[in-house]
Each structure stands twice: as structure tokens, then as C-alpha cells.
């Protein structure tokens, strides 16, 4: 896996491709794991950032500049996000 440095800002990106049903995680622009097939529940609910459903298991830290795209980004696009502003 890709190491995460404690007490340091990290760029984390998770990309879900609806065509392949694959999810890919990146840490500082480097692939850090994937899952396939991956399904997102079809029920409508609240989007939780930093916690699982129901707000349990909360993330301890800060989240900054959260973004959602309407398409899956490729590895080069994720790498560009790490390098500078969108």
C-alpha cells in the first residue's frame, strides 16, 4: 500500500467508474488500492463525509476542498489535482 504520513495534509481521491463498477483510491496521486465489482446502494440517503452510514466511526482529522465530478477521472487527471488548483 501507499503510506500515509500522520499530521500532514494528504491528497486523497476515490474514483468510482459506473461503466466498470470499479473503485480506485489514490493517495497523493499514487494508486493506493481498488475494488471491483463495487456497488453503491440504490437507496437515497445522506452523503456522509468522514463517517460511515449513520455517522458512526467518524474520521479524526480535517477535510478540505471536497469535490464531486459527474464522471470518473483518469489517473493523469487525479495527478493534476495533486499538483495544483482545478
PDB file of N, CA and C in Angstrom:
ATOM      1  N   UNK A   1       0.809  -1.187   0.000  1.00  0.00           N
ATOM      2  CA  UNK A   1       0.000   0.000   0.000  1.00  0.00           C
ATOM      3  C   UNK A   1       0.853   1.252   0.000  1.00  0.00           C
ATOM      4  N   UNK A   2       0.188   2.354  -0.101  1.00  0.00           N
ATOM      5  CA  UNK A   2       0.829   3.662  -0.098  1.00  0.00           C
ATOM      6  C   UNK A   2       0.795   4.203   1.327  1.00  0.00           C
ATOM      7  N   UNK A   3       1.942   4.615   1.874  1.00  0.00           N
ATOM      8  CA  UNK A   3       1.950   5.110   3.248  1.00  0.00           C
ATOM      9  C   UNK A   3       1.265   6.474   3.372  1.00  0.00           C
ATOM     10  N   UNK A   4       0.625   6.684   4.504  1.00  0.00           N
ATOM     11  CA  UNK A   4       0.011   7.962   4.831  1.00  0.00           C
ATOM     12  C   UNK A   4       0.813   8.551   5.980  1.00  0.00           C
ATOM     13  N   UNK A   5       1.246   9.783   5.821  1.00  0.00           N
ATOM     14  CA  UNK A   5       2.032  10.461   6.844  1.00  0.00           C
ATOM     15  C   UNK A   5       1.089  11.138   7.836  1.00  0.00           C
ATOM     16  N   UNK A   6       1.241  10.813   9.103  1.00  0.00           N
ATOM     17  CA  UNK A   6       0.402  11.429  10.123  1.00  0.00           C
ATOM     18  C   UNK A   6       0.753  12.907  10.301  1.00  0.00           C
ATOM     19  N   UNK A   7      -0.248  13.689  10.671  1.00  0.00           N
ATOM     20  CA  UNK A   7      -0.100  15.122  10.955  1.00  0.00           C
ATOM     21  C   UNK A   7       0.409  15.920   9.760  1.00  0.00           C
ATOM     22  N   UNK A   8       0.086  15.461   8.560  1.00  0.00           N
ATOM     23  CA  UNK A   8       0.478  16.120   7.315  1.00  0.00           C
ATOM     24  C   UNK A   8      -0.719  16.061   6.365  1.00  0.00           C
ATOM     25  N   UNK A   9      -0.972  17.156   5.630  1.00  0.00           N
ATOM     26  CA  UNK A   9      -2.051  17.136   4.647  1.00  0.00           C
ATOM     27  C   UNK A   9      -1.765  16.073   3.592  1.00  0.00           C
ATOM     28  N   UNK A  10      -2.769  15.305   3.251  1.00  0.00           N
ATOM     29  CA  UNK A  10      -2.683  14.281   2.216  1.00  0.00           C
ATOM     30  C   UNK A  10      -3.768  14.565   1.180  1.00  0.00           C
ATOM     31  N   UNK A  11      -3.472  14.310  -0.079  1.00  0.00           N
ATOM     32  CA  UNK A  11      -4.494  14.419  -1.120  1.00  0.00           C
ATOM     33  C   UNK A  11      -5.047  13.018  -1.344  1.00  0.00           C
ATOM     34  N   UNK A  12      -6.324  12.824  -1.016  1.00  0.00           N
ATOM     35  CA  UNK A  12      -6.977  11.529  -1.165  1.00  0.00           C
ATOM     36  C   UNK A  12      -8.042  11.675  -2.244  1.00  0.00           C
ATOM     37  N   UNK A  13      -8.034  10.788  -3.216  1.00  0.00           N
ATOM     38  CA  UNK A  13      -9.048  10.773  -4.266  1.00  0.00           C
ATOM     39  C   UNK A  13      -9.597   9.361  -4.380  1.00  0.00           C
ATOM     40  N   UNK A  14     -10.913   9.272  -4.485  1.00  0.00           N
ATOM     41  CA  UNK A  14     -11.574   7.993  -4.713  1.00  0.00           C
ATOM     42  C   UNK A  14     -12.411   8.162  -5.969  1.00  0.00           C
ATOM     43  N   UNK A  15     -12.162   7.314  -6.954  1.00  0.00           N
ATOM     44  CA  UNK A  15     -12.838   7.393  -8.247  1.00  0.00           C
ATOM     45  C   UNK A  15     -13.695   6.156  -8.427  1.00  0.00           C
ATOM     46  N   UNK A  16     -14.990   6.358  -8.698  1.00  0.00           N
ATOM     47  CA  UNK A  16     -15.897   5.251  -8.988  1.00  0.00           C
ATOM     48  C   UNK A  16     -16.308   5.343 -10.446  1.00  0.00           C
ATOM     49  N   UNK A  17     -16.025   4.300 -11.206  1.00  0.00           N
ATOM     50  CA  UNK A  17     -16.367   4.245 -12.628  1.00  0.00           C
ATOM     51  C   UNK A  17     -17.636   3.416 -12.779  1.00  0.00           C
ATOM     52  N   UNK A  18     -18.735   4.062 -13.155  1.00  0.00           N
ATOM     53  CA  UNK A  18     -20.017   3.360 -13.286  1.00  0.00           C
ATOM     54  C   UNK A  18     -20.038   2.382 -14.439  1.00  0.00           C
ATOM     55  N   UNK A  19     -19.165   2.556 -15.420  1.00  0.00           N
ATOM     56  CA  UNK A  19     -19.134   1.634 -16.563  1.00  0.00           C
ATOM     57  C   UNK A  19     -18.474   0.314 -16.209  1.00  0.00           C
ATOM     58  N   UNK A  20     -17.454   0.344 -15.353  1.00  0.00           N
ATOM     59  CA  UNK A  20     -16.735  -0.874 -14.976  1.00  0.00           C
ATOM     60  C   UNK A  20     -17.079  -1.347 -13.563  1.00  0.00           C
ATOM     61  N   UNK A  21     -17.844  -0.540 -12.817  1.00  0.00           N
ATOM     62  CA  UNK A  21     -18.157  -0.820 -11.406  1.00  0.00           C
ATOM     63  C   UNK A  21     -16.891  -1.050 -10.598  1.00  0.00           C
ATOM     64  N   UNK A  22     -15.872  -0.257 -10.869  1.00  0.00           N
ATOM     65  CA  UNK A  22     -14.610  -0.342 -10.144  1.00  0.00           C
ATOM     66  C   UNK A  22     -14.383   0.958  -9.392  1.00  0.00           C
ATOM     67  N   UNK A  23     -13.854   0.826  -8.192  1.00  0.00           N
ATOM     68  CA  UNK A  23     -13.465   1.995  -7.403  1.00  0.00           C
ATOM     69  C   UNK A  23     -11.951   1.959  -7.248  1.00  0.00           C
ATOM     70  N   UNK A  24     -11.315   3.113  -7.427  1.00  0.00           N
ATOM     71  CA  UNK A  24      -9.856   3.235  -7.312  1.00  0.00           C
ATOM     72  C   UNK A  24      -9.571   4.350  -6.324  1.00  0.00           C
ATOM     73  N   UNK A  25      -8.677   4.087  -5.374  1.00  0.00           N
ATOM     74  CA  UNK A  25      -8.268   5.104  -4.403  1.00  0.00           C
ATOM     75  C   UNK A  25      -6.858   5.564  -4.731  1.00  0.00           C
ATOM     76  N   UNK A  26      -6.613   6.875  -4.580  1.00  0.00           N
ATOM     77  CA  UNK A  26      -5.299   7.467  -4.802  1.00  0.00           C
ATOM     78  C   UNK A  26      -4.905   8.240  -3.545  1.00  0.00           C
ATOM     79  N   UNK A  27      -3.655   8.134  -3.138  1.00  0.00           N
ATOM     80  CA  UNK A  27      -3.109   8.949  -2.061  1.00  0.00           C
ATOM     81  C   UNK A  27      -1.958   9.747  -2.661  1.00  0.00           C
ATOM     82  N   UNK A  28      -2.102  11.073  -2.644  1.00  0.00           N
ATOM     83  CA  UNK A  28      -1.115  11.973  -3.242  1.00  0.00           C
ATOM     84  C   UNK A  28      -0.822  11.631  -4.699  1.00  0.00           C
ATOM     85  N   UNK A  29      -1.875  11.236  -5.432  1.00  0.00           N
ATOM     86  CA  UNK A  29      -1.771  10.939  -6.858  1.00  0.00           C
ATOM     87  C   UNK A  29      -1.278   9.547  -7.201  1.00  0.00           C
ATOM     88  N   UNK A  30      -0.981   8.719  -6.201  1.00  0.00           N
ATOM     89  CA  UNK A  30      -0.454   7.375  -6.434  1.00  0.00           C
ATOM     90  C   UNK A  30      -1.567   6.360  -6.151  1.00  0.00           C
ATOM     91  N   UNK A  31      -1.824   5.407  -7.083  1.00  0.00           N
ATOM     92  CA  UNK A  31      -2.846   4.390  -6.816  1.00  0.00           C
ATOM     93  C   UNK A  31      -2.575   3.680  -5.491  1.00  0.00           C
ATOM     94  N   UNK A  32      -3.629   3.578  -4.664  1.00  0.00           N
ATOM     95  CA  UNK A  32      -3.459   3.027  -3.323  1.00  0.00           C
ATOM     96  C   UNK A  32      -4.411   1.871  -3.044  1.00  0.00           C
ATOM     97  N   UNK A  33      -5.069   1.357  -4.062  1.00  0.00           N
ATOM     98  CA  UNK A  33      -5.967   0.225  -3.876  1.00  0.00           C
ATOM     99  C   UNK A  33      -7.195   0.372  -4.738  1.00  0.00           C
ATOM    100  N   UNK A  34      -7.825  -0.761  -5.015  1.00  0.00           N
ATOM    101  CA  UNK A  34      -9.030  -0.741  -5.830  1.00  0.00           C
ATOM    102  C   UNK A  34      -9.940  -1.891  -5.412  1.00  0.00           C
ATOM    103  N   UNK A  35     -11.187  -1.818  -5.864  1.00  0.00           N
ATOM    104  CA  UNK A  35     -12.159  -2.875  -5.608  1.00  0.00           C
ATOM    105  C   UNK A  35     -13.046  -2.996  -6.836  1.00  0.00           C
ATOM    106  N   UNK A  36     -13.308  -4.223  -7.231  1.00  0.00           N
ATOM    107  CA  UNK A  36     -14.178  -4.475  -8.374  1.00  0.00           C
ATOM    108  C   UNK A  36     -14.740  -5.873  -8.233  1.00  0.00           C
ATOM    109  N   UNK A  37     -15.998  -6.132  -8.453  1.00  0.00           N
ATOM    110  CA  UNK A  37     -17.024  -5.108  -8.686  1.00  0.00           C
ATOM    111  C   UNK A  37     -17.370  -4.394  -7.398  1.00  0.00           C
ATOM    112  N   UNK A  38     -17.770  -3.156  -7.526  1.00  0.00           N
ATOM    113  CA  UNK A  38     -18.113  -2.314  -6.387  1.00  0.00           C
ATOM    114  C   UNK A  38     -19.491  -1.749  -6.672  1.00  0.00           C
ATOM    115  N   UNK A  39     -20.385  -1.819  -5.720  1.00  0.00           N
ATOM    116  CA  UNK A  39     -21.724  -1.282  -5.938  1.00  0.00           C
ATOM    117  C   UNK A  39     -22.038  -0.220  -4.901  1.00  0.00           C
ATOM    118  N   UNK A  40     -22.749   0.783  -5.344  1.00  0.00           N
ATOM    119  CA  UNK A  40     -23.242   1.834  -4.465  1.00  0.00           C
ATOM    120  C   UNK A  40     -24.714   1.534  -4.228  1.00  0.00           C
ATOM    121  N   UNK A  41     -25.163   1.535  -2.961  1.00  0.00           N
ATOM    122  CA  UNK A  41     -26.574   1.244  -2.695  1.00  0.00           C
ATOM    123  C   UNK A  41     -27.490   2.173  -3.482  1.00  0.00           C
ATOM    124  N   UNK A  42     -28.589   1.628  -3.976  1.00  0.00           N
ATOM    125  CA  UNK A  42     -29.515   2.426  -4.780  1.00  0.00           C
ATOM    126  C   UNK A  42     -30.459   3.255  -3.923  1.00  0.00           C
ATOM    127  N   UNK A  43     -30.492   3.018  -2.620  1.00  0.00           N
ATOM    128  CA  UNK A  43     -31.383   3.799  -1.763  1.00  0.00           C
ATOM    129  C   UNK A  43     -30.884   5.237  -1.669  1.00  0.00           C
ATOM    130  N   UNK A  44     -31.816   6.138  -1.532  1.00  0.00           N
ATOM    131  CA  UNK A  44     -31.466   7.545  -1.397  1.00  0.00           C
ATOM    132  C   UNK A  44     -31.197   7.815   0.077  1.00  0.00           C
ATOM    133  N   UNK A  45     -30.098   8.458   0.351  1.00  0.00           N
ATOM    134  CA  UNK A  45     -29.766   8.761   1.733  1.00  0.00           C
ATOM    135  C   UNK A  45     -28.823   9.940   1.786  1.00  0.00           C
ATOM    136  N   UNK A  46     -28.337  10.212   2.962  1.00  0.00           N
ATOM    137  CA  UNK A  46     -27.441  11.326   3.188  1.00  0.00           C
ATOM    138  C   UNK A  46     -26.017  10.929   2.839  1.00  0.00           C
ATOM    139  N   UNK A  47     -25.296  11.809   2.173  1.00  0.00           N
ATOM    140  CA  UNK A  47     -23.883  11.594   1.889  1.00  0.00           C
ATOM    141  C   UNK A  47     -23.095  11.969   3.134  1.00  0.00           C
ATOM    142  N   UNK A  48     -22.348  11.008   3.667  1.00  0.00           N
ATOM    143  CA  UNK A  48     -21.536  11.240   4.864  1.00  0.00           C
ATOM    144  C   UNK A  48     -20.078  11.352   4.460  1.00  0.00           C
ATOM    145  N   UNK A  49     -19.433  12.416   4.873  1.00  0.00           N
ATOM    146  CA  UNK A  49     -18.007  12.572   4.640  1.00  0.00           C
ATOM    147  C   UNK A  49     -17.281  12.334   5.954  1.00  0.00           C
ATOM    148  N   UNK A  50     -16.394  11.374   5.963  1.00  0.00           N
ATOM    149  CA  UNK A  50     -15.618  11.111   7.166  1.00  0.00           C
ATOM    150  C   UNK A  50     -16.337  10.266   8.197  1.00  0.00           C
ATOM    151  N   UNK A  51     -17.423   9.588   7.808  1.00  0.00           N
ATOM    152  CA  UNK A  51     -18.141   8.697   8.717  1.00  0.00           C
ATOM    153  C   UNK A  51     -18.916   7.693   7.873  1.00  0.00           C
ATOM    154  N   UNK A  52     -19.193   6.537   8.458  1.00  0.00           N
ATOM    155  CA  UNK A  52     -19.993   5.559   7.726  1.00  0.00           C
ATOM    156  C   UNK A  52     -21.476   5.901   7.870  1.00  0.00           C
ATOM    157  N   UNK A  53     -22.349   5.043   7.343  1.00  0.00           N
ATOM    158  CA  UNK A  53     -23.791   5.290   7.406  1.00  0.00           C
ATOM    159  C   UNK A  53     -24.217   5.441   8.857  1.00  0.00           C
ATOM    160  N   UNK A  54     -25.020   6.421   9.139  1.00  0.00           N
ATOM    161  CA  UNK A  54     -25.479   6.676  10.490  1.00  0.00           C
ATOM    162  C   UNK A  54     -24.530   7.537  11.299  1.00  0.00           C
ATOM    163  N   UNK A  55     -23.408   7.969  10.708  1.00  0.00           N
ATOM    164  CA  UNK A  55     -22.476   8.837  11.394  1.00  0.00           C
ATOM    165  C   UNK A  55     -21.575   8.148  12.395  1.00  0.00           C
ATOM    166  N   UNK A  56     -21.463   6.831  12.299  1.00  0.00           N
ATOM    167  CA  UNK A  56     -20.577   6.098  13.205  1.00  0.00           C
ATOM    168  C   UNK A  56     -19.165   6.074  12.633  1.00  0.00           C
ATOM    169  N   UNK A  57     -18.202   5.658  13.440  1.00  0.00           N
ATOM    170  CA  UNK A  57     -16.805   5.517  13.014  1.00  0.00           C
ATOM    171  C   UNK A  57     -16.294   6.783  12.343  1.00  0.00           C
ATOM    172  N   UNK A  58     -16.411   7.883  13.025  1.00  0.00           N
ATOM    173  CA  UNK A  58     -16.042   9.180  12.466  1.00  0.00           C
ATOM    174  C   UNK A  58     -14.539   9.306  12.239  1.00  0.00           C
ATOM    175  N   UNK A  59     -14.195   9.970  11.147  1.00  0.00           N
ATOM    176  CA  UNK A  59     -12.823  10.305  10.802  1.00  0.00           C
ATOM    177  C   UNK A  59     -12.302  11.345  11.783  1.00  0.00           C
ATOM    178  N   UNK A  60     -11.094  11.150  12.285  1.00  0.00           N
ATOM    179  CA  UNK A  60     -10.484  12.108  13.201  1.00  0.00           C
ATOM    180  C   UNK A  60      -9.461  12.906  12.402  1.00  0.00           C
ATOM    181  N   UNK A  61      -9.774  14.135  12.076  1.00  0.00           N
ATOM    182  CA  UNK A  61      -8.899  14.975  11.269  1.00  0.00           C
ATOM    183  C   UNK A  61      -9.711  16.065  10.606  1.00  0.00           C
ATOM    184  N   UNK A  62      -9.143  16.706   9.615  1.00  0.00           N
ATOM    185  CA  UNK A  62      -9.810  17.770   8.876  1.00  0.00           C
ATOM    186  C   UNK A  62      -9.965  17.362   7.415  1.00  0.00           C
ATOM    187  N   UNK A  63     -11.072  17.760   6.823  1.00  0.00           N
ATOM    188  CA  UNK A  63     -11.328  17.532   5.404  1.00  0.00           C
ATOM    189  C   UNK A  63     -11.448  18.905   4.757  1.00  0.00           C
ATOM    190  N   UNK A  64     -10.726  19.117   3.651  1.00  0.00           N
ATOM    191  CA  UNK A  64     -10.719  20.409   2.981  1.00  0.00           C
ATOM    192  C   UNK A  64     -10.918  20.190   1.486  1.00  0.00           C
ATOM    193  N   UNK A  65     -11.649  21.083   0.834  1.00  0.00           N
ATOM    194  CA  UNK A  65     -11.831  21.088  -0.618  1.00  0.00           C
ATOM    195  C   UNK A  65     -12.362  19.773  -1.158  1.00  0.00           C
ATOM    196  N   UNK A  66     -13.499  19.358  -0.669  1.00  0.00           N
ATOM    197  CA  UNK A  66     -14.157  18.153  -1.164  1.00  0.00           C
ATOM    198  C   UNK A  66     -14.826  18.470  -2.501  1.00  0.00           C
ATOM    199  N   UNK A  67     -14.640  17.587  -3.499  1.00  0.00           N
ATOM    200  CA  UNK A  67     -15.214  17.812  -4.839  1.00  0.00           C
ATOM    201  C   UNK A  67     -15.845  16.530  -5.349  1.00  0.00           C
ATOM    202  N   UNK A  68     -16.901  16.699  -6.149  1.00  0.00           N
ATOM    203  CA  UNK A  68     -17.552  15.570  -6.818  1.00  0.00           C
ATOM    204  C   UNK A  68     -17.649  15.913  -8.301  1.00  0.00           C
ATOM    205  N   UNK A  69     -17.244  14.984  -9.158  1.00  0.00           N
ATOM    206  CA  UNK A  69     -17.371  15.144 -10.608  1.00  0.00           C
ATOM    207  C   UNK A  69     -18.510  14.263 -11.102  1.00  0.00           C
ATOM    208  N   UNK A  70     -19.009  14.551 -12.298  1.00  0.00           N
ATOM    209  CA  UNK A  70     -20.079  13.753 -12.879  1.00  0.00           C
ATOM    210  C   UNK A  70     -19.547  12.668 -13.807  1.00  0.00           C
ATOM    211  N   UNK A  71     -18.250  12.368 -13.688  1.00  0.00           N
ATOM    212  CA  UNK A  71     -17.624  11.311 -14.473  1.00  0.00           C
ATOM    213  C   UNK A  71     -16.402  10.807 -13.712  1.00  0.00           C
ATOM    214  N   UNK A  72     -15.922   9.639 -14.098  1.00  0.00           N
ATOM    215  CA  UNK A  72     -14.723   9.086 -13.462  1.00  0.00           C
ATOM    216  C   UNK A  72     -13.484   9.776 -14.019  1.00  0.00           C
ATOM    217  N   UNK A  73     -12.610  10.261 -13.147  1.00  0.00           N
ATOM    218  CA  UNK A  73     -11.343  10.852 -13.573  1.00  0.00           C
ATOM    219  C   UNK A  73     -10.333   9.745 -13.836  1.00  0.00           C
ATOM    220  N   UNK A  74      -9.412   9.987 -14.777  1.00  0.00           N
ATOM    221  CA  UNK A  74      -8.348   9.010 -15.011  1.00  0.00           C
ATOM    222  C   UNK A  74      -7.148   9.358 -14.122  1.00  0.00           C
ATOM    223  N   UNK A  75      -6.159   8.481 -14.109  1.00  0.00           N
ATOM    224  CA  UNK A  75      -5.002   8.642 -13.222  1.00  0.00           C
ATOM    225  C   UNK A  75      -4.269   9.965 -13.473  1.00  0.00           C
ATOM    226  N   UNK A  76      -4.139  10.371 -14.728  1.00  0.00           N
ATOM    227  CA  UNK A  76      -3.448  11.629 -15.039  1.00  0.00           C
ATOM    228  C   UNK A  76      -4.212  12.827 -14.481  1.00  0.00           C
ATOM    229  N   UNK A  77      -5.548  12.794 -14.578  1.00  0.00           N
ATOM    230  CA  UNK A  77      -6.355  13.897 -14.056  1.00  0.00           C
ATOM    231  C   UNK A  77      -6.244  13.978 -12.525  1.00  0.00           C
ATOM    232  N   UNK A  78      -6.229  12.836 -11.858  1.00  0.00           N
ATOM    233  CA  UNK A  78      -6.057  12.830 -10.411  1.00  0.00           C
ATOM    234  C   UNK A  78      -4.680  13.382 -10.064  1.00  0.00           C
ATOM    235  N   UNK A  79      -3.658  12.993 -10.805  1.00  0.00           N
ATOM    236  CA  UNK A  79      -2.307  13.505 -10.581  1.00  0.00           C
ATOM    237  C   UNK A  79      -2.246  15.007 -10.740  1.00  0.00           C
ATOM    238  N   UNK A  80      -2.964  15.555 -11.716  1.00  0.00           N
ATOM    239  CA  UNK A  80      -3.001  17.007 -11.914  1.00  0.00           C
ATOM    240  C   UNK A  80      -3.650  17.725 -10.734  1.00  0.00           C
ATOM    241  N   UNK A  81      -4.618  17.097 -10.083  1.00  0.00           N
ATOM    242  CA  UNK A  81      -5.254  17.694  -8.922  1.00  0.00           C
ATOM    243  C   UNK A  81      -4.270  17.844  -7.768  1.00  0.00           C
ATOM    244  N   UNK A  82      -3.371  16.906  -7.638  1.00  0.00           N
ATOM    245  CA  UNK A  82      -2.385  16.959  -6.562  1.00  0.00           C
ATOM    246  C   UNK A  82      -1.413  18.100  -6.799  1.00  0.00           C
ATOM    247  N   UNK A  83      -1.128  18.381  -8.048  1.00  0.00           N
ATOM    248  CA  UNK A  83      -0.113  19.381  -8.411  1.00  0.00           C
ATOM    249  C   UNK A  83      -0.580  20.814  -8.257  1.00  0.00           C
ATOM    250  N   UNK A  84      -1.886  21.065  -8.318  1.00  0.00           N
ATOM    251  CA  UNK A  84      -2.316  22.454  -8.235  1.00  0.00           C
ATOM    252  C   UNK A  84      -3.805  22.606  -8.256  1.00  0.00           C
ATOM    253  N   UNK A  85      -4.290  23.855  -8.318  1.00  0.00           N
ATOM    254  CA  UNK A  85      -5.726  24.112  -8.288  1.00  0.00           C
ATOM    255  C   UNK A  85      -6.410  23.649  -9.566  1.00  0.00           C
ATOM    256  N   UNK A  86      -7.708  23.407  -9.447  1.00  0.00           N
ATOM    257  CA  UNK A  86      -8.509  22.963 -10.584  1.00  0.00           C
ATOM    258  C   UNK A  86      -8.910  24.159 -11.413  1.00  0.00           C
TER     259      UNK A  86
END
